[in-house]
Protein backbone atom coordinates (compact mmCIF):
# COMPACT_ATOMS: atom_id res chain seq x y z
CA MET A 1 114.11 153.89 -184.36
CA ALA A 2 112.37 153.08 -187.66
CA ALA A 3 115.45 151.33 -189.00
CA ALA A 4 115.55 149.07 -185.98
CA LEU A 5 112.05 147.85 -186.81
CA VAL A 6 112.89 146.70 -190.32
CA LEU A 7 112.93 142.92 -190.69
CA PRO A 8 115.67 141.32 -192.81
CA PHE A 9 114.83 139.94 -196.22
CA ALA A 10 116.92 138.06 -198.71
CA ALA A 11 118.55 140.11 -201.48
CA ALA A 12 118.02 137.40 -204.07
CA GLN A 13 117.04 138.20 -207.66
CA ALA A 14 113.28 138.65 -207.98
CA PRO A 15 111.72 135.52 -209.47
CA ALA A 16 109.67 135.70 -212.64
CA PRO A 17 106.10 135.53 -211.35
CA ALA A 18 103.93 132.66 -212.45
CA GLN A 19 101.11 133.78 -214.71
CA PRO A 20 97.49 133.56 -213.61
CA THR A 21 95.54 130.48 -214.59
CA ALA A 22 94.47 130.63 -218.26
CA THR A 23 90.79 130.30 -218.97
CA THR A 24 89.07 129.70 -222.28
CA ALA A 25 85.44 130.56 -221.55
CA PRO A 26 84.65 134.24 -220.90
CA ALA A 27 83.06 135.37 -217.67
CA THR A 28 79.34 136.11 -217.89
CA ILE A 29 76.86 137.98 -215.72
CA ARG A 30 74.45 135.76 -213.84
CA ASN A 31 72.41 138.32 -211.90
CA ILE A 32 72.13 142.06 -211.32
CA VAL A 33 70.63 143.84 -208.29
CA TRP A 34 70.43 147.63 -208.21
CA HIS A 35 70.76 149.17 -204.73
CA SER A 36 70.41 152.71 -206.09
CA ASP A 37 70.81 154.40 -209.45
CA ARG A 38 74.63 154.16 -209.22
CA HIS A 39 75.21 151.32 -206.74
CA VAL A 40 74.77 147.93 -208.33
CA ALA A 41 75.65 144.35 -207.37
CA ILE A 42 76.53 141.97 -210.20
CA TRP A 43 77.13 138.24 -209.88
CA VAL A 44 79.77 137.12 -212.35
CA ASN A 45 80.11 133.50 -213.43
CA SER A 46 83.86 132.91 -213.09
CA PRO A 47 85.12 130.03 -215.26
CA ALA A 48 88.35 129.94 -213.23
CA MET A 49 86.61 129.59 -209.87
CA GLY A 50 83.63 127.64 -211.16
CA ALA A 51 81.27 129.78 -209.09
CA PRO A 52 79.39 133.09 -209.23
CA ILE A 53 81.34 135.96 -207.65
CA GLN A 54 79.57 139.08 -206.42
CA VAL A 55 81.08 142.43 -207.38
CA ARG A 56 79.70 145.76 -206.19
CA LEU A 57 80.01 148.69 -208.60
CA LEU A 58 79.78 152.33 -207.53
CA LEU A 59 79.22 153.92 -210.92
CA ALA A 60 80.96 157.13 -211.98
CA ARG A 61 79.45 160.53 -211.20
CA ASP A 62 78.62 161.28 -214.86
CA TRP A 63 77.10 157.85 -215.51
CA ASN A 64 73.66 159.40 -216.07
CA THR A 65 74.63 162.70 -217.65
CA ALA A 66 77.00 161.17 -220.22
CA PRO A 67 75.35 157.88 -221.26
CA ASN A 68 77.90 157.21 -224.00
CA ALA A 69 80.99 157.94 -221.91
CA LYS A 70 83.39 155.38 -220.46
CA PHE A 71 85.16 155.75 -217.14
CA PRO A 72 88.36 154.58 -215.39
CA VAL A 73 87.95 152.04 -212.61
CA LEU A 74 89.41 151.76 -209.13
CA TYR A 75 89.44 148.31 -207.59
CA MET A 76 88.95 148.36 -203.80
CA LEU A 77 90.04 145.12 -202.13
CA ASP A 78 88.83 143.89 -198.73
CA GLY A 79 90.68 142.48 -195.75
CA LEU A 80 91.34 139.02 -194.35
CA ARG A 81 87.83 138.67 -192.90
CA ALA A 82 85.97 139.54 -196.10
CA THR A 83 82.40 138.25 -196.11
CA ASP A 84 80.36 136.74 -198.94
CA ASP A 85 77.43 139.17 -198.64
CA ASN A 86 78.97 142.65 -198.97
CA SER A 87 82.23 144.52 -199.34
CA GLY A 88 83.70 145.80 -196.10
CA TRP A 89 84.28 149.13 -197.83
CA ILE A 90 80.51 149.50 -198.14
CA ALA A 91 79.54 147.97 -194.78
CA GLU A 92 82.23 149.62 -192.65
CA THR A 93 83.16 152.93 -194.31
CA GLY A 94 81.57 155.86 -196.11
CA ALA A 95 82.75 154.62 -199.51
CA VAL A 96 79.33 154.85 -201.18
CA ASP A 97 78.94 158.54 -200.41
CA PHE A 98 82.64 159.19 -200.96
CA PHE A 99 82.63 157.85 -204.52
CA ALA A 100 79.28 159.44 -205.38
CA ASP A 101 80.95 162.61 -206.68
CA LYS A 102 84.04 160.92 -208.17
CA ASN A 103 84.22 160.33 -211.90
CA VAL A 104 85.55 156.78 -211.65
CA THR A 105 83.69 153.52 -211.23
CA ALA A 106 84.71 151.85 -207.98
CA VAL A 107 84.89 148.05 -208.31
CA LEU A 108 84.50 146.22 -205.00
CA PRO A 109 84.84 142.42 -205.14
CA VAL A 110 82.81 140.60 -202.48
CA GLY A 111 84.18 137.51 -200.76
CA GLY A 112 87.66 136.05 -200.80
CA GLN A 113 88.07 135.54 -197.06
CA ALA A 114 91.76 134.87 -196.27
CA SER A 115 92.49 134.46 -200.01
CA PHE A 116 95.06 137.25 -200.49
CA TYR A 117 93.27 137.61 -203.84
CA SER A 118 95.64 135.12 -205.42
CA ASP A 119 95.38 131.93 -207.46
CA TRP A 120 95.72 129.09 -204.97
CA LEU A 121 97.58 125.89 -205.67
CA GLU A 122 94.76 123.78 -204.23
CA SER A 123 91.15 124.13 -203.18
CA ASP A 124 90.61 124.42 -199.45
CA ASN A 125 87.73 124.80 -197.02
CA GLY A 126 85.21 124.50 -199.86
CA LYS A 127 86.77 127.33 -201.89
CA ASN A 128 88.45 127.14 -205.28
CA TYR A 129 90.30 130.45 -205.09
CA LYS A 130 91.52 131.82 -208.43
CA TRP A 131 91.20 135.47 -207.57
CA GLU A 132 94.14 136.78 -209.60
CA THR A 133 92.72 135.26 -212.76
CA PHE A 134 89.26 136.58 -211.96
CA LEU A 135 90.37 140.13 -211.16
CA THR A 136 92.95 140.60 -213.89
CA LYS A 137 91.74 138.39 -216.75
CA GLU A 138 88.02 137.61 -216.42
CA LEU A 139 86.52 140.75 -214.91
CA PRO A 140 88.14 143.56 -216.97
CA PRO A 141 86.69 142.53 -220.38
CA LEU A 142 83.25 142.25 -218.81
CA LEU A 143 83.50 145.70 -217.24
CA GLU A 144 84.73 147.20 -220.49
CA SER A 145 82.08 145.58 -222.70
CA GLN A 146 79.04 145.93 -220.44
CA TRP A 147 79.77 148.53 -217.76
CA ARG A 148 81.40 151.34 -219.73
CA ALA A 149 84.85 150.90 -218.20
CA THR A 150 88.06 152.02 -219.87
CA GLY A 151 91.33 150.13 -219.65
CA THR A 152 92.64 152.69 -217.14
CA ARG A 153 92.67 151.02 -213.75
CA GLY A 154 93.84 151.58 -210.21
CA ILE A 155 93.85 149.12 -207.32
CA ALA A 156 93.82 149.74 -203.57
CA GLY A 157 93.30 147.49 -200.58
CA LEU A 158 93.49 147.21 -196.84
CA SER A 159 95.42 144.62 -194.86
CA MET A 160 95.38 141.45 -197.00
CA GLY A 161 94.00 143.58 -199.84
CA GLY A 162 96.93 145.98 -199.54
CA THR A 163 99.35 143.08 -199.98
CA ALA A 164 97.39 141.95 -203.03
CA ALA A 165 97.17 145.44 -204.53
CA MET A 166 100.95 145.56 -204.72
CA PHE A 167 101.67 142.06 -205.99
CA LEU A 168 98.76 142.04 -208.46
CA SER A 169 100.04 145.30 -209.94
CA ALA A 170 103.56 143.91 -210.14
CA ARG A 171 102.62 140.49 -211.53
CA ASN A 172 100.33 141.87 -214.24
CA SER A 173 102.10 144.45 -216.36
CA ASP A 174 100.00 147.44 -217.45
CA PHE A 175 97.07 146.33 -215.28
CA ALA A 176 97.07 149.34 -212.94
CA LYS A 177 98.36 152.90 -213.07
CA PHE A 178 97.83 153.39 -209.33
CA ALA A 179 98.35 150.95 -206.46
CA ALA A 180 97.71 151.66 -202.78
CA SER A 181 98.26 149.65 -199.63
CA TYR A 182 96.46 150.68 -196.46
CA SER A 183 97.97 148.70 -193.57
CA GLY A 184 99.08 145.94 -195.93
CA PHE A 185 101.67 143.27 -195.16
CA LEU A 186 104.22 144.14 -197.81
CA THR A 187 106.69 141.32 -197.31
CA THR A 188 105.46 137.75 -197.21
CA THR A 189 108.80 135.92 -196.85
CA SER A 190 110.64 137.98 -194.20
CA THR A 191 111.53 136.21 -190.98
CA GLY A 192 108.35 134.96 -189.32
CA MET A 193 105.95 136.28 -191.96
CA PRO A 194 104.87 132.91 -193.47
CA GLN A 195 104.11 131.69 -189.96
CA ALA A 196 102.19 134.89 -189.11
CA ILE A 197 100.16 134.64 -192.31
CA ARG A 198 99.47 130.96 -191.63
CA LEU A 199 98.11 131.72 -188.14
CA ALA A 200 96.04 134.66 -189.40
CA MET A 201 94.44 132.50 -192.13
CA ILE A 202 93.57 129.79 -189.63
CA ASP A 203 91.96 132.40 -187.40
CA ALA A 204 90.05 133.95 -190.32
CA GLY A 205 88.06 130.99 -191.54
CA GLY A 206 90.29 128.00 -190.91
CA PHE A 207 92.22 128.22 -194.20
CA ASP A 208 95.52 126.43 -194.89
CA ALA A 209 98.31 128.69 -196.15
CA ALA A 210 99.97 125.67 -197.77
CA ALA A 211 96.94 125.28 -200.04
CA MET A 212 97.51 128.88 -201.10
CA TRP A 213 101.25 129.03 -201.86
CA GLY A 214 102.65 125.72 -200.62
CA PRO A 215 105.15 125.34 -197.75
CA PRO A 216 107.07 128.48 -196.66
CA ASP A 217 110.10 127.55 -198.79
CA SER A 218 107.98 127.22 -201.94
CA PRO A 219 108.80 129.67 -204.77
CA GLN A 220 105.15 130.75 -204.69
CA TRP A 221 105.76 132.74 -201.51
CA GLU A 222 108.44 134.84 -203.17
CA GLU A 223 106.32 135.16 -206.31
CA HIS A 224 103.68 136.93 -204.18
CA ASP A 225 106.09 139.00 -202.08
CA PRO A 226 105.86 142.72 -202.95
CA VAL A 227 109.50 143.18 -201.92
CA TYR A 228 110.71 140.62 -204.47
CA LEU A 229 108.43 142.12 -207.12
CA ALA A 230 109.17 145.77 -206.37
CA ASP A 231 111.20 146.40 -209.53
CA ARG A 232 108.10 145.56 -211.59
CA LEU A 233 106.26 148.56 -210.11
CA LYS A 234 108.35 151.16 -211.95
CA GLY A 235 106.16 153.75 -213.60
CA GLN A 236 103.16 153.18 -211.35
CA SER A 237 101.79 155.70 -208.89
CA LEU A 238 102.27 154.08 -205.47
CA TYR A 239 100.75 154.93 -202.08
CA ILE A 240 101.72 153.12 -198.86
CA SER A 241 100.32 153.88 -195.42
CA SER A 242 100.23 152.37 -191.97
CA GLY A 243 99.71 153.28 -188.35
CA THR A 244 102.02 152.34 -185.51
CA GLY A 245 99.60 150.18 -183.51
CA ALA A 246 99.45 152.75 -180.71
CA SER A 247 96.00 153.83 -179.56
CA GLY A 248 94.62 156.62 -181.74
CA LYS A 249 91.50 158.76 -181.92
CA HIS A 250 89.38 155.90 -183.31
CA ASP A 251 90.50 153.38 -180.67
CA GLU A 252 89.16 152.57 -177.23
CA GLY A 253 91.50 153.95 -174.60
CA SER A 254 92.85 152.26 -171.50
CA GLU A 255 94.64 153.18 -168.28
CA ILE A 256 97.97 152.86 -170.09
CA PRO A 257 98.64 155.79 -172.44
CA GLY A 258 98.90 154.72 -176.09
CA VAL A 259 97.58 151.23 -175.39
CA THR A 260 94.12 149.99 -176.43
CA PRO A 261 92.26 146.85 -175.34
CA ASN A 262 92.27 145.89 -179.04
CA MET A 263 95.54 143.97 -178.71
CA PHE A 264 94.93 142.04 -181.94
CA GLY A 265 94.52 145.31 -183.85
CA MET A 266 97.66 146.71 -182.24
CA GLY A 267 99.74 143.69 -183.21
CA LEU A 268 98.54 143.54 -186.80
CA GLU A 269 99.14 147.24 -187.38
CA THR A 270 102.64 146.99 -185.92
CA LEU A 271 103.32 144.10 -188.30
CA SER A 272 101.96 146.18 -191.17
CA LEU A 273 104.26 149.06 -190.26
CA ILE A 274 107.34 146.83 -190.12
CA THR A 275 106.63 145.11 -193.44
CA SER A 276 105.66 148.37 -195.13
CA GLN A 277 109.00 149.85 -194.05
CA ASN A 278 110.78 146.85 -195.57
CA PHE A 279 108.94 147.41 -198.83
CA VAL A 280 109.57 151.16 -198.88
CA SER A 281 113.27 150.54 -198.26
CA LYS A 282 113.34 148.30 -201.32
CA LEU A 283 111.57 150.95 -203.40
CA HIS A 284 114.16 153.53 -202.29
CA GLU A 285 116.95 151.14 -203.25
CA LEU A 286 115.40 150.79 -206.70
CA ARG A 287 114.77 154.56 -206.98
CA ILE A 288 111.03 153.98 -207.39
CA PRO A 289 109.06 156.94 -206.02
CA ALA A 290 106.12 156.37 -203.69
CA THR A 291 103.94 158.37 -201.35
CA VAL A 292 104.48 157.01 -197.83
CA LYS A 293 102.26 157.93 -194.88
CA TYR A 294 103.12 156.51 -191.47
CA ARG A 295 100.56 157.72 -188.94
CA SER A 296 101.82 158.32 -185.41
CA ALA A 297 98.95 156.25 -183.99
CA GLY A 298 96.15 153.93 -185.04
CA THR A 299 95.35 150.23 -184.98
CA HIS A 300 94.26 147.75 -187.64
CA THR A 301 90.66 149.00 -187.90
CA TRP A 302 88.24 150.42 -190.48
CA PRO A 303 88.11 154.12 -189.47
CA TYR A 304 91.79 154.51 -190.35
CA TRP A 305 91.32 152.85 -193.75
CA ASP A 306 88.40 155.14 -194.47
CA PHE A 307 90.73 158.04 -193.68
CA GLU A 308 93.47 156.67 -195.95
CA LEU A 309 91.03 156.23 -198.83
CA ARG A 310 90.24 159.95 -198.63
CA GLN A 311 93.86 160.98 -198.10
CA SER A 312 95.09 158.97 -201.12
CA TRP A 313 92.30 160.06 -203.48
CA PRO A 314 94.02 163.10 -205.05
CA GLN A 315 96.95 160.89 -206.05
CA ALA A 316 94.62 158.19 -207.39
CA ALA A 317 92.62 160.78 -209.35
CA ALA A 318 95.77 162.18 -210.95
CA ALA A 319 96.96 158.69 -211.95
CA LEU A 320 93.56 157.78 -213.39
CA GLY A 321 93.20 161.07 -215.24
CA VAL A 322 90.10 162.46 -213.52
CA PRO A 323 89.57 165.62 -211.47
CA ALA A 324 89.96 165.14 -207.74
CA ALA A 325 86.99 167.42 -206.98
CA LYS A 326 83.53 167.58 -208.51
CA PRO A 327 82.67 170.51 -210.74
CA GLU A 328 80.61 173.40 -209.45
CA CYS A 329 76.84 172.94 -209.76
CA ALA A 330 73.77 174.95 -208.81
CA VAL A 331 70.11 174.17 -208.17
CA GLY A 332 67.27 176.30 -209.43
CA GLY A 333 63.63 176.43 -210.49
CA ALA A 334 61.21 173.68 -209.52
CA ILE A 335 64.07 171.32 -208.68
CA ALA A 336 65.30 173.79 -206.06
CA GLY A 337 61.87 173.69 -204.45
CA VAL A 338 62.05 169.89 -204.19
CA THR A 339 65.54 169.86 -202.71
CA ALA A 340 64.55 172.49 -200.14
CA GLY A 341 61.90 170.13 -198.81
CA ASN A 342 64.02 166.99 -199.10
CA GLY A 343 67.32 167.71 -197.41
CA TRP A 344 68.23 164.02 -197.47
CA LEU A 345 69.06 164.40 -201.19
CA GLY A 346 72.32 166.11 -200.21
CA ASP A 347 74.54 168.23 -202.44
CA CYS A 348 74.13 168.42 -206.18
CA LEU A 349 76.59 166.35 -208.21
CA THR A 350 75.71 167.68 -211.66
CA GLY A 351 73.89 170.54 -213.29
CA GLU A 352 70.51 170.02 -214.92
CA TYR A 353 70.55 167.86 -218.05
CA ARG A 354 67.92 166.91 -220.57
CA VAL A 355 66.17 163.54 -220.54
CA PRO A 356 63.32 162.38 -222.80
CA GLY A 357 60.29 164.49 -221.89
CA GLY A 358 61.95 166.67 -219.27
CA VAL A 359 65.10 167.49 -217.30
CA ALA A 360 66.99 165.81 -214.47
CA GLN A 361 69.66 166.62 -211.91
CA ASP A 362 71.78 164.24 -209.86
CA PHE A 363 72.35 164.59 -206.11
CA LEU A 364 74.36 162.74 -203.49
CA HIS A 365 71.46 160.43 -202.59
CA GLY A 366 69.23 160.42 -205.64
CA ARG A 367 67.96 162.23 -208.73
CA VAL A 368 65.24 164.80 -209.31
CA PHE A 369 63.19 164.80 -212.53
CA PHE A 370 61.00 167.59 -213.85
CA THR A 371 58.24 167.73 -216.45
CA PRO A 372 55.97 170.72 -217.06
CA GLU A 373 52.92 168.48 -216.61
CA ALA A 374 53.87 166.65 -213.41
CA GLY A 375 56.37 168.99 -211.81
CA ALA A 376 59.56 167.90 -210.02
CA HIS A 377 59.89 164.62 -208.10
CA PRO A 378 62.89 162.85 -206.52
CA VAL A 379 63.70 159.22 -207.32
CA ALA A 380 66.14 157.54 -204.93
CA GLY A 381 67.21 154.49 -202.96
CA ARG A 382 66.02 151.03 -203.95
CA ILE A 383 63.21 152.46 -206.07
CA GLY A 384 65.86 154.59 -207.77
CA GLY A 385 67.76 151.38 -208.42
CA GLY A 386 64.65 149.73 -209.83
CA TYR A 387 64.13 152.76 -212.06
CA GLN A 388 67.69 152.45 -213.35
CA ALA A 389 67.19 148.73 -213.97
CA ALA A 390 64.17 149.66 -216.11
CA ALA A 391 66.38 152.04 -218.17
CA GLY A 392 65.31 155.11 -216.18
CA PRO A 393 63.89 158.01 -218.19
CA HIS A 394 64.86 156.21 -221.41
CA GLY A 395 62.77 153.13 -220.55
CA ALA A 396 59.17 152.04 -220.51
CA LEU A 397 58.22 153.83 -217.28
CA GLY A 398 58.82 157.36 -218.50
CA LEU A 399 59.27 160.09 -215.88
CA PRO A 400 57.90 160.21 -212.32
CA ILE A 401 54.52 161.83 -211.77
CA GLY A 402 54.54 161.58 -207.98
CA GLY A 403 56.84 160.98 -205.05
CA GLU A 404 57.76 157.75 -203.28
CA THR A 405 55.02 156.75 -200.83
CA PRO A 406 54.77 154.15 -198.04
CA LEU A 407 51.96 151.63 -198.52
CA PRO A 408 49.23 150.93 -195.95
CA ASP A 409 50.59 147.51 -194.95
CA GLY A 410 53.74 149.16 -193.57
CA ARG A 411 55.84 146.73 -195.57
CA GLY A 412 56.24 148.25 -199.01
CA ARG A 413 56.68 151.51 -200.87
CA TYR A 414 55.72 152.63 -204.34
CA GLN A 415 56.24 155.47 -206.81
CA PRO A 416 54.08 156.28 -209.85
CA PHE A 417 55.51 157.07 -213.28
CA GLN A 418 54.00 158.12 -216.59
CA HIS A 419 53.56 154.55 -217.83
CA GLY A 420 53.50 152.38 -214.72
CA SER A 421 54.67 152.17 -211.13
CA LEU A 422 57.56 150.80 -209.12
CA TYR A 423 56.83 148.75 -205.99
CA TRP A 424 59.43 147.80 -203.39
CA THR A 425 59.68 145.62 -200.30
CA PRO A 426 62.81 144.34 -198.53
CA GLU A 427 61.95 140.79 -199.63
CA THR A 428 61.02 141.44 -203.27
CA GLY A 429 63.18 144.39 -204.27
CA ALA A 430 61.96 147.11 -206.62
CA GLN A 431 59.74 145.85 -209.45
CA MET A 432 58.00 147.68 -212.25
CA VAL A 433 54.31 147.01 -212.98
CA GLY A 434 52.49 148.54 -215.93
CA GLY A 435 49.90 148.14 -218.66
CA ALA A 436 47.25 145.43 -218.57
CA ILE A 437 48.97 143.54 -215.74
CA LEU A 438 48.93 146.66 -213.55
CA ALA A 439 45.25 147.17 -214.35
CA GLU A 440 44.29 143.58 -213.45
CA TRP A 441 46.47 143.63 -210.33
CA GLY A 442 44.71 146.83 -209.31
CA ARG A 443 41.30 145.26 -209.91
CA GLN A 444 42.31 142.48 -207.49
CA GLY A 445 43.39 144.97 -204.82
CA TYR A 446 47.05 145.69 -205.65
CA GLU A 447 49.42 144.51 -202.91
CA GLY A 448 46.46 144.10 -200.56
CA GLY A 449 44.89 141.49 -202.82
CA PRO A 450 45.70 137.80 -203.27
CA ALA A 451 48.61 138.46 -205.66
CA LYS A 452 50.50 140.52 -203.03
CA TYR A 453 53.73 142.10 -204.36
CA PRO A 454 55.56 141.59 -207.66
CA VAL A 455 58.76 139.58 -207.34
CA GLY A 456 60.18 140.02 -210.83
CA PRO A 457 59.89 142.16 -213.96
CA GLU A 458 57.39 141.63 -216.74
CA VAL A 459 59.04 139.51 -219.45
CA ARG A 460 57.97 138.50 -222.91
CA THR A 461 56.88 134.91 -223.35
CA PRO A 462 59.50 133.44 -225.72
CA HIS A 463 57.32 131.48 -228.15
CA ARG A 464 53.92 133.15 -227.96
CA ASP A 465 52.83 136.79 -228.30
CA GLY A 466 52.41 137.65 -224.64
CA ALA A 467 54.07 138.41 -221.33
CA VAL A 468 54.29 137.09 -217.79
CA GLN A 469 55.12 138.71 -214.46
CA SER A 470 55.67 136.87 -211.19
CA PHE A 471 53.98 137.92 -207.95
CA GLU A 472 54.12 136.47 -204.46
CA GLY A 473 50.64 135.02 -204.95
CA GLY A 474 51.21 133.68 -208.46
CA PRO A 475 52.11 135.09 -211.88
CA PHE A 476 49.98 137.19 -214.19
CA TYR A 477 49.94 136.09 -217.84
CA PHE A 478 48.97 138.46 -220.64
CA SER A 479 48.33 138.15 -224.34
CA PRO A 480 46.57 140.60 -226.67
CA ALA A 481 43.86 138.01 -227.34
CA THR A 482 43.18 136.95 -223.73
CA GLY A 483 44.07 139.94 -221.54
CA ALA A 484 45.80 139.61 -218.15
CA HIS A 485 44.94 136.81 -215.71
CA ARG A 486 46.64 135.30 -212.67
CA VAL A 487 47.39 131.60 -212.16
CA GLU A 488 48.18 130.32 -208.67
CA GLY A 489 48.74 127.41 -206.33
CA LEU A 490 48.41 123.81 -207.46
CA ILE A 491 46.71 124.89 -210.67
CA LEU A 492 49.88 126.84 -211.47
CA GLY A 493 51.87 123.69 -210.70
CA LYS A 494 49.83 121.72 -213.21
CA TYR A 495 50.12 124.50 -215.78
CA ALA A 496 53.91 124.37 -215.34
CA GLU A 497 53.96 120.57 -215.66
CA LEU A 498 52.19 120.78 -219.01
CA GLY A 499 54.44 123.54 -220.39
CA PHE A 500 52.75 126.82 -219.47
CA GLU A 501 51.50 128.86 -222.44
CA ASN A 502 53.49 126.68 -224.87
CA SER A 503 51.26 123.67 -224.12
CA TRP A 504 47.88 122.94 -225.66
CA LEU A 505 46.36 124.98 -222.85
CA GLY A 506 47.75 128.29 -224.16
CA PHE A 507 47.20 131.46 -222.13
CA PRO A 508 44.69 131.80 -219.27
CA VAL A 509 41.43 133.43 -220.31
CA ALA A 510 39.76 133.99 -216.95
CA PRO A 511 40.58 134.31 -213.25
CA GLU A 512 40.50 131.29 -210.95
CA VAL A 513 36.98 130.40 -209.79
CA PRO A 514 35.87 128.51 -206.63
CA LEU A 515 33.91 125.26 -206.99
CA LYS A 516 32.17 122.85 -204.62
CA ASP A 517 34.06 120.96 -201.92
CA PHE A 518 36.75 123.65 -201.79
CA GLY A 519 37.65 122.97 -205.41
CA ARG A 520 38.82 125.56 -207.94
CA TYR A 521 39.35 125.89 -211.66
CA SER A 522 41.07 128.20 -214.16
CA GLY A 523 40.10 128.61 -217.80
CA PHE A 524 42.66 128.58 -220.61
CA GLU A 525 42.53 128.93 -224.39
CA GLY A 526 42.65 125.19 -224.96
CA GLY A 527 40.80 123.92 -221.89
CA ASN A 528 40.62 124.18 -218.11
CA ILE A 529 42.56 123.02 -215.06
CA TYR A 530 40.48 121.71 -212.14
CA TRP A 531 41.60 121.10 -208.57
CA SER A 532 40.07 119.81 -205.38
CA PRO A 533 41.64 118.53 -202.15
CA LEU A 534 40.54 114.95 -202.86
CA SER A 535 41.24 114.76 -206.58
CA GLY A 536 44.32 116.94 -207.15
CA ALA A 537 44.92 119.17 -210.17
CA TRP A 538 44.16 117.91 -213.71
CA ALA A 539 43.58 119.50 -217.11
CA VAL A 540 40.54 118.88 -219.31
CA ARG A 541 40.92 119.71 -223.00
CA ASN A 542 38.24 121.55 -224.96
CA GLY A 543 36.48 119.13 -227.27
CA PRO A 544 34.59 115.82 -226.93
CA VAL A 545 35.77 115.04 -223.37
CA MET A 546 34.91 118.52 -222.10
CA ASP A 547 31.56 118.45 -223.91
CA ALA A 548 30.62 115.07 -222.45
CA TRP A 549 31.66 116.10 -218.97
CA ARG A 550 29.62 119.31 -219.34
CA ASP A 551 26.58 117.32 -220.39
CA ALA A 552 27.07 115.13 -217.31
CA GLY A 553 27.06 118.21 -215.04
CA PHE A 554 30.79 118.91 -214.72
CA GLU A 555 32.06 118.32 -211.17
CA ASN A 556 28.50 118.56 -209.82
CA GLY A 557 27.38 115.58 -211.88
CA ARG A 558 27.82 111.88 -211.35
CA LEU A 559 31.44 111.86 -212.59
CA GLY A 560 32.79 114.38 -210.08
CA PHE A 561 36.25 115.94 -210.53
CA PRO A 562 38.89 114.61 -212.95
CA ILE A 563 41.56 112.39 -211.42
CA SER A 564 43.83 112.07 -214.45
CA ASP A 565 44.87 113.90 -217.57
CA GLU A 566 43.71 112.63 -220.95
CA PHE A 567 45.69 109.55 -222.03
CA ALA A 568 45.77 107.27 -225.06
CA VAL A 569 43.82 104.00 -225.22
CA PRO A 570 43.40 101.65 -228.20
CA GLY A 571 41.56 103.57 -230.89
CA GLY A 572 41.21 106.81 -228.93
CA VAL A 573 41.72 108.66 -225.66
CA GLN A 574 40.35 108.43 -222.14
CA GLN A 575 40.16 110.61 -219.05
CA ASN A 576 39.31 109.32 -215.60
CA PHE A 577 37.07 111.04 -213.06
CA GLN A 578 36.24 110.36 -209.43
CA HIS A 579 33.24 108.20 -210.29
CA GLY A 580 33.82 107.10 -213.83
CA ALA A 581 35.58 107.82 -217.10
CA ILE A 582 35.05 109.37 -220.52
CA THR A 583 36.42 107.56 -223.56
CA VAL A 584 36.53 109.11 -227.04
CA ARG A 585 36.81 107.02 -230.23
CA ASP A 586 36.11 108.33 -233.71
CA ASN A 587 35.26 111.69 -232.14
CA ARG A 588 32.41 110.11 -230.17
CA ALA A 589 32.43 110.28 -226.39
CA GLU A 590 31.26 107.45 -224.12
CA VAL A 591 30.60 108.12 -220.43
CA ARG A 592 30.92 105.15 -218.13
């Protein structure tokens, strides 16, 4: 019966695969968002694609306990309907929890809808797909230099990603030690396959298969056909699986036994089975060993791929040189008391290990830290990610001194640490606040005050001795000489226009103050910025103009608010006000 399902394929000599597009500039990281202490999203500037590509990393189990260690990586590729916001492995399966106790870093590219993770001949539908170059040439050096990856790699994928896992491994010698296809289409040139792929790509985003590999008789189709490339997989650990398309335990049943209403899923899985059998036949012909799992039922859906990930793991672990199971661990002392009251932490992943000022232990859904002074406290979730972004126990925050707590507004959460606090909302993420900025923010009412929540970390000002941290209601600026003060609204806009602290204004020296007619002003080292609804925002420099305006009664006097910045005139400078002007020549001010 199985033999009757095998489609014919040409027995031609396998073509030499074209090499991925060469790039000269290295890939760089554009942005990093931590979702937990070992789940991180990075956006990588890809020179080949000319765009930032999101990659999710599920960091190895011993990432925290062995900070100098490097780990193998396992690429997990998505299917034809990949989205640009998250990996399907994260959104649709239990991959995050599954990899939590595995000592590899899982690398999950995000995006690539209908791309087959290949280098396309032409751009199409607004996408410049150069995925093979990105995955095999641009991303590995970045992972090895900045994310503690070794050169030991595996690659697995579902559907479209299963096809790519096999041809990427074959086309790039020594790239992967393990390659797995879960319901992949493992011939691309067999009778009817180019047409089937073309229709599937149109359905999944309106993409043109000819832009990918040219017309069906183009050599590019054979150069991406796992069957034609099979001889290049010698020495790799291979895993191939597929269902039959018949209704299984994860499918909706119908009145007809073995048939599910998901006809599309049935058809795709049947096609996967047929093409996988073609590929396996070629491997047998070449005497290349492979693990082959044909399930008796199951359609083209996520629950079966989640199952195959787990079923193939022992083989992947052996190929990547890591244990398949986590080591034994136990929980005791004060940490045991915390875990007893916080069952959501799950099983331990490690034993206790020392961190600066205390000890820590990693669990399925977070970490627990202990100090003799503050006791034991869990750190987890997005706040755990924010803690990791701030270098965790090795960073400026120190160790936790309390648990995570919801805030009165019902929107945010916070957790206190030895040297600051972490605040989180869905809109702002987890941000650290400490030192003088935390004290001034607290004086203004914390998140309940006008500044609201922090939206970024505190950063050093590049050219002056100070720091700035952005909040929803305006940034706080700090310098040792001036302390911490917030600048907001249109006054902030004017401050930005003039060059922030690098301008003649310098750092703010006082909070914003209300004035008559709904006006406001903020004081700075070199002068003030004034604003009112009728006059707009303008800066007045300390010196003769400011002194003359003061003597005239500031905005309450006959001149009113400024309506311009200071500007040059013959022999001096001038600044205009609502009802007059001040001109300075030879350091003497004239009010008119």
